Amino acid sequence: MVSEELVLRQYQEAIERFPRLLKPKKVENGWDIEGFIDVIDDEGSIWDSFSVKITFPFNFPDHLFELKETGNKIPRGTEWHNNETCCLSTNAIMFSEMFGNLTLLHWLIKFAHPFLANYIYKLKTEHYANEVFDHGALGIIQGYYKVFRTYDLPTVVANLNYITGTKTLGRNDPCFCGSGKKYKHCYLSEPQKHSPGIPISILQSDLNQILSYNKK
């Protein structure tokens, strides 16, 4: 369980950049941080401000923060990637892209603020400026295409099977990652390098959803 000390430390770091976020309040599933996020462009001009609630979960870092837009500016629905919470990206992409810097501030800068800016851009142009993914298993698959740098679904499934330990290779077989090294000298010696920052629980859940999707 994440400590209150860590939550407050990350909050203090975050308000240097997002000063209108209020102090965290402990709730049933973690800490809620309410307040406003100002969407600011590269020249420092404010495009708009959004009322938000951020949940800092008890099981961080195995699960990430969640963003809710509470001012009802963003319509609800899959078209706007705004249901119970805002769909910022896939879990795999967020974990992998924040690997080594898994903090509230980094998440706000890399995913929450761009999501809100992307909404404003869509209002003006009728399309998103940044990359978006489908919902459900298809979006999970699209995310792993980016994580594993392949558009081959069997390769994605094989990688997830090996990383989660669902399947294994012989010690002297070539490693599944394509390094050219033997399995024992590659994955078995440095398994963490084959799963950059993505918790095993996320990998296993995603694999199960992908396999269920493939059966349809």
Protein backbone atom coordinates (compact mmCIF):
# COMPACT_ATOMS: atom_id res chain seq x y z
CA MET A 1 0.00 0.00 0.00
CA VAL A 2 1.36 3.38 -0.99
CA SER A 3 2.27 5.63 1.94
CA GLU A 4 0.73 9.02 2.62
CA GLU A 5 4.26 10.42 2.71
CA LEU A 6 4.86 9.34 -0.89
CA VAL A 7 1.50 10.74 -2.01
CA LEU A 8 2.21 14.13 -0.44
CA ARG A 9 5.75 14.21 -1.82
CA GLN A 10 4.54 13.54 -5.35
CA TYR A 11 1.73 16.07 -4.92
CA GLN A 12 4.16 18.77 -3.81
CA GLU A 13 6.25 18.08 -6.91
CA ALA A 14 3.18 18.21 -9.15
CA ILE A 15 1.84 21.58 -7.93
CA GLU A 16 5.05 23.29 -9.04
CA ARG A 17 3.67 22.80 -12.56
CA PHE A 18 -0.06 22.50 -11.80
CA PRO A 19 -0.61 24.91 -8.88
CA ARG A 20 -4.42 24.76 -8.85
CA LEU A 21 -4.56 21.15 -7.63
CA LEU A 22 -5.77 20.87 -4.05
CA LYS A 23 -4.19 18.83 -1.27
CA PRO A 24 -4.93 15.06 -1.46
CA LYS A 25 -7.82 13.69 0.60
CA LYS A 26 -7.83 10.08 1.73
CA VAL A 27 -10.78 8.08 0.36
CA GLU A 28 -11.81 4.44 0.17
CA ASN A 29 -9.62 3.46 -2.76
CA GLY A 30 -6.69 5.84 -2.27
CA TRP A 31 -6.35 9.63 -2.29
CA ASP A 32 -8.39 12.09 -4.33
CA ILE A 33 -6.80 15.26 -5.64
CA GLU A 34 -9.35 17.79 -6.84
CA GLY A 35 -8.83 21.17 -8.45
CA PHE A 36 -8.15 22.59 -11.89
CA ILE A 37 -5.74 21.84 -14.70
CA ASP A 38 -4.97 24.76 -17.00
CA VAL A 39 -4.22 23.71 -20.58
CA ILE A 40 -1.27 25.85 -21.62
CA ASP A 41 0.37 25.92 -25.04
CA ASP A 42 4.08 26.12 -25.83
CA GLU A 43 3.96 29.93 -25.77
CA GLY A 44 2.46 29.99 -22.27
CA SER A 45 -1.07 30.97 -23.29
CA ILE A 46 -3.96 29.31 -21.46
CA TRP A 47 -6.35 27.56 -23.85
CA ASP A 48 -8.87 26.51 -21.22
CA SER A 49 -9.18 25.23 -17.65
CA PHE A 50 -10.74 21.95 -16.55
CA SER A 51 -12.18 20.94 -13.20
CA VAL A 52 -10.75 17.52 -12.38
CA LYS A 53 -10.47 14.80 -9.78
CA ILE A 54 -7.35 12.65 -9.80
CA THR A 55 -7.25 9.38 -7.88
CA PHE A 56 -3.90 8.30 -6.48
CA PRO A 57 -4.56 4.58 -5.86
CA PHE A 58 -3.58 2.59 -2.77
CA ASN A 59 -1.97 -0.06 -5.00
CA PHE A 60 0.36 2.37 -6.78
CA PRO A 61 2.73 1.65 -8.55
CA ASP A 62 0.98 -1.55 -9.72
CA HIS A 63 -1.94 0.64 -10.83
CA LEU A 64 -1.79 4.16 -12.18
CA PHE A 65 -3.58 7.38 -11.40
CA GLU A 66 -7.07 8.03 -12.81
CA LEU A 67 -8.44 11.29 -14.18
CA LYS A 68 -12.06 12.42 -14.03
CA GLU A 69 -13.22 15.62 -15.72
CA THR A 70 -15.75 16.93 -13.22
CA GLY A 71 -16.85 20.18 -14.88
CA ASN A 72 -18.90 18.42 -17.61
CA LYS A 73 -17.05 20.22 -20.39
CA ILE A 74 -16.10 16.98 -22.10
CA PRO A 75 -19.09 14.93 -23.32
CA ARG A 76 -19.41 11.42 -21.96
CA GLY A 77 -18.96 8.54 -24.38
CA THR A 78 -16.39 6.52 -26.27
CA GLU A 79 -16.10 9.10 -29.06
CA TRP A 80 -14.63 11.52 -26.53
CA HIS A 81 -12.71 8.84 -24.55
CA ASN A 82 -14.54 9.96 -21.45
CA ASN A 83 -16.62 7.40 -19.57
CA GLU A 84 -16.40 6.87 -15.81
CA THR A 85 -12.81 8.08 -16.11
CA CYS A 86 -10.87 9.71 -18.95
CA CYS A 87 -9.19 7.19 -21.24
CA LEU A 88 -5.74 8.73 -21.54
CA SER A 89 -3.97 5.81 -23.21
CA THR A 90 -3.48 2.07 -22.68
CA ASN A 91 -1.98 0.89 -19.40
CA ALA A 92 0.91 -0.77 -21.21
CA ILE A 93 1.88 2.43 -23.02
CA MET A 94 1.61 4.59 -19.92
CA PHE A 95 3.71 2.23 -17.81
CA SER A 96 6.32 1.68 -20.52
CA GLU A 97 6.66 5.37 -21.44
CA MET A 98 7.01 6.39 -17.79
CA PHE A 99 9.49 3.61 -16.99
CA GLY A 100 12.07 4.96 -14.56
CA ASN A 101 10.01 8.10 -13.81
CA LEU A 102 6.67 6.85 -12.52
CA THR A 103 5.41 9.99 -10.78
CA LEU A 104 2.24 12.04 -10.62
CA LEU A 105 3.97 15.01 -12.28
CA HIS A 106 5.30 12.93 -15.16
CA TRP A 107 1.85 11.39 -15.71
CA LEU A 108 0.20 14.81 -15.69
CA ILE A 109 2.66 16.20 -18.22
CA LYS A 110 2.78 13.17 -20.49
CA PHE A 111 -0.83 11.98 -20.45
CA ALA A 112 -3.39 14.06 -18.49
CA HIS A 113 -2.54 17.52 -19.87
CA PRO A 114 -2.22 16.26 -23.50
CA PHE A 115 -5.59 14.49 -23.18
CA LEU A 116 -7.30 17.74 -22.23
CA ALA A 117 -5.45 19.66 -24.95
CA ASN A 118 -6.45 17.00 -27.46
CA TYR A 119 -10.12 17.53 -26.58
CA ILE A 120 -9.80 21.28 -27.29
CA TYR A 121 -8.08 20.52 -30.59
CA LYS A 122 -10.86 18.12 -31.61
CA LEU A 123 -13.50 20.77 -30.90
CA LYS A 124 -11.73 23.12 -33.29
CA THR A 125 -10.78 20.68 -36.05
CA GLU A 126 -13.15 17.68 -35.60
CA HIS A 127 -10.22 15.31 -35.21
CA TYR A 128 -7.56 14.59 -32.61
CA ALA A 129 -4.03 15.94 -32.89
CA ASN A 130 -2.43 13.09 -30.98
CA GLU A 131 -2.59 9.33 -31.31
CA VAL A 132 -5.74 7.67 -29.93
CA PHE A 133 -6.61 4.02 -29.42
CA ASP A 134 -9.80 2.01 -29.61
CA HIS A 135 -11.49 0.86 -26.43
CA GLY A 136 -11.40 -2.66 -25.00
CA ALA A 137 -9.22 -5.48 -26.25
CA LEU A 138 -8.61 -3.87 -29.66
CA GLY A 139 -7.11 -0.82 -27.99
CA ILE A 140 -4.96 -3.06 -25.78
CA ILE A 141 -3.65 -4.80 -28.89
CA GLN A 142 -2.91 -1.46 -30.58
CA GLY A 143 -0.99 -0.41 -27.48
CA TYR A 144 1.19 -3.51 -27.54
CA TYR A 145 1.90 -2.99 -31.24
CA LYS A 146 3.60 0.22 -30.12
CA VAL A 147 5.26 -1.25 -27.02
CA PHE A 148 6.73 -4.24 -28.89
CA ARG A 149 7.28 -2.32 -32.14
CA THR A 150 5.42 -4.81 -34.28
CA TYR A 151 2.07 -5.08 -36.04
CA ASP A 152 2.07 -8.87 -35.84
CA LEU A 153 -0.49 -10.06 -33.29
CA PRO A 154 0.98 -13.58 -32.90
CA THR A 155 4.29 -11.94 -31.94
CA VAL A 156 2.52 -9.79 -29.34
CA VAL A 157 0.77 -12.83 -27.87
CA ALA A 158 4.01 -14.85 -27.84
CA ASN A 159 5.90 -12.04 -26.09
CA LEU A 160 3.20 -11.71 -23.45
CA ASN A 161 3.12 -15.47 -22.93
CA TYR A 162 6.87 -15.63 -22.36
CA ILE A 163 7.13 -12.50 -20.23
CA THR A 164 4.32 -13.61 -17.92
CA GLY A 165 5.72 -17.14 -17.68
CA THR A 166 2.61 -18.65 -19.26
CA LYS A 167 4.94 -20.34 -21.71
CA THR A 168 8.70 -20.97 -21.64
CA LEU A 169 11.48 -21.83 -24.07
CA GLY A 170 14.35 -24.26 -23.78
CA ARG A 171 17.38 -22.70 -22.11
CA ASN A 172 19.45 -22.98 -25.29
CA ASP A 173 16.72 -21.82 -27.68
CA PRO A 174 16.99 -18.37 -29.28
CA CYS A 175 15.32 -15.73 -27.11
CA PHE A 176 11.86 -14.68 -28.22
CA CYS A 177 12.86 -11.00 -28.25
CA GLY A 178 14.94 -11.43 -31.38
CA SER A 179 18.26 -10.48 -29.80
CA GLY A 180 19.97 -13.52 -31.26
CA LYS A 181 21.11 -14.63 -27.79
CA LYS A 182 20.17 -17.89 -26.15
CA TYR A 183 17.12 -17.78 -23.89
CA LYS A 184 19.26 -18.47 -20.81
CA HIS A 185 21.64 -15.60 -21.59
CA CYS A 186 18.90 -13.11 -22.49
CA TYR A 187 15.46 -13.29 -20.87
CA LEU A 188 16.40 -15.65 -18.02
CA SER A 189 19.39 -13.51 -17.03
CA GLU A 190 17.63 -10.11 -17.32
CA PRO A 191 13.84 -10.58 -17.40
CA GLN A 192 13.17 -6.99 -16.32
CA LYS A 193 14.58 -5.65 -19.61
CA HIS A 194 11.89 -7.53 -21.54
CA SER A 195 9.03 -5.86 -19.71
CA PRO A 196 9.92 -2.17 -19.35
CA GLY A 197 8.02 -1.07 -16.28
CA ILE A 198 4.76 -2.94 -16.96
CA PRO A 199 3.59 -4.90 -13.88
CA ILE A 200 3.04 -8.62 -14.39
CA SER A 201 -0.56 -8.26 -13.21
CA ILE A 202 -1.23 -5.79 -16.06
CA LEU A 203 0.52 -8.00 -18.61
CA GLN A 204 -1.47 -11.06 -17.54
CA SER A 205 -4.80 -9.21 -17.55
CA ASP A 206 -4.09 -7.76 -20.99
CA LEU A 207 -3.05 -11.17 -22.33
CA ASN A 208 -6.30 -12.72 -21.10
CA GLN A 209 -8.34 -9.99 -22.81
CA ILE A 210 -6.42 -10.39 -26.06
CA LEU A 211 -6.89 -14.18 -26.03
CA SER A 212 -10.62 -13.79 -25.37
CA TYR A 213 -10.84 -11.27 -28.22
CA ASN A 214 -9.09 -13.71 -30.58
CA LYS A 215 -11.63 -16.43 -29.84
CA LYS A 216 -14.52 -14.30 -31.11
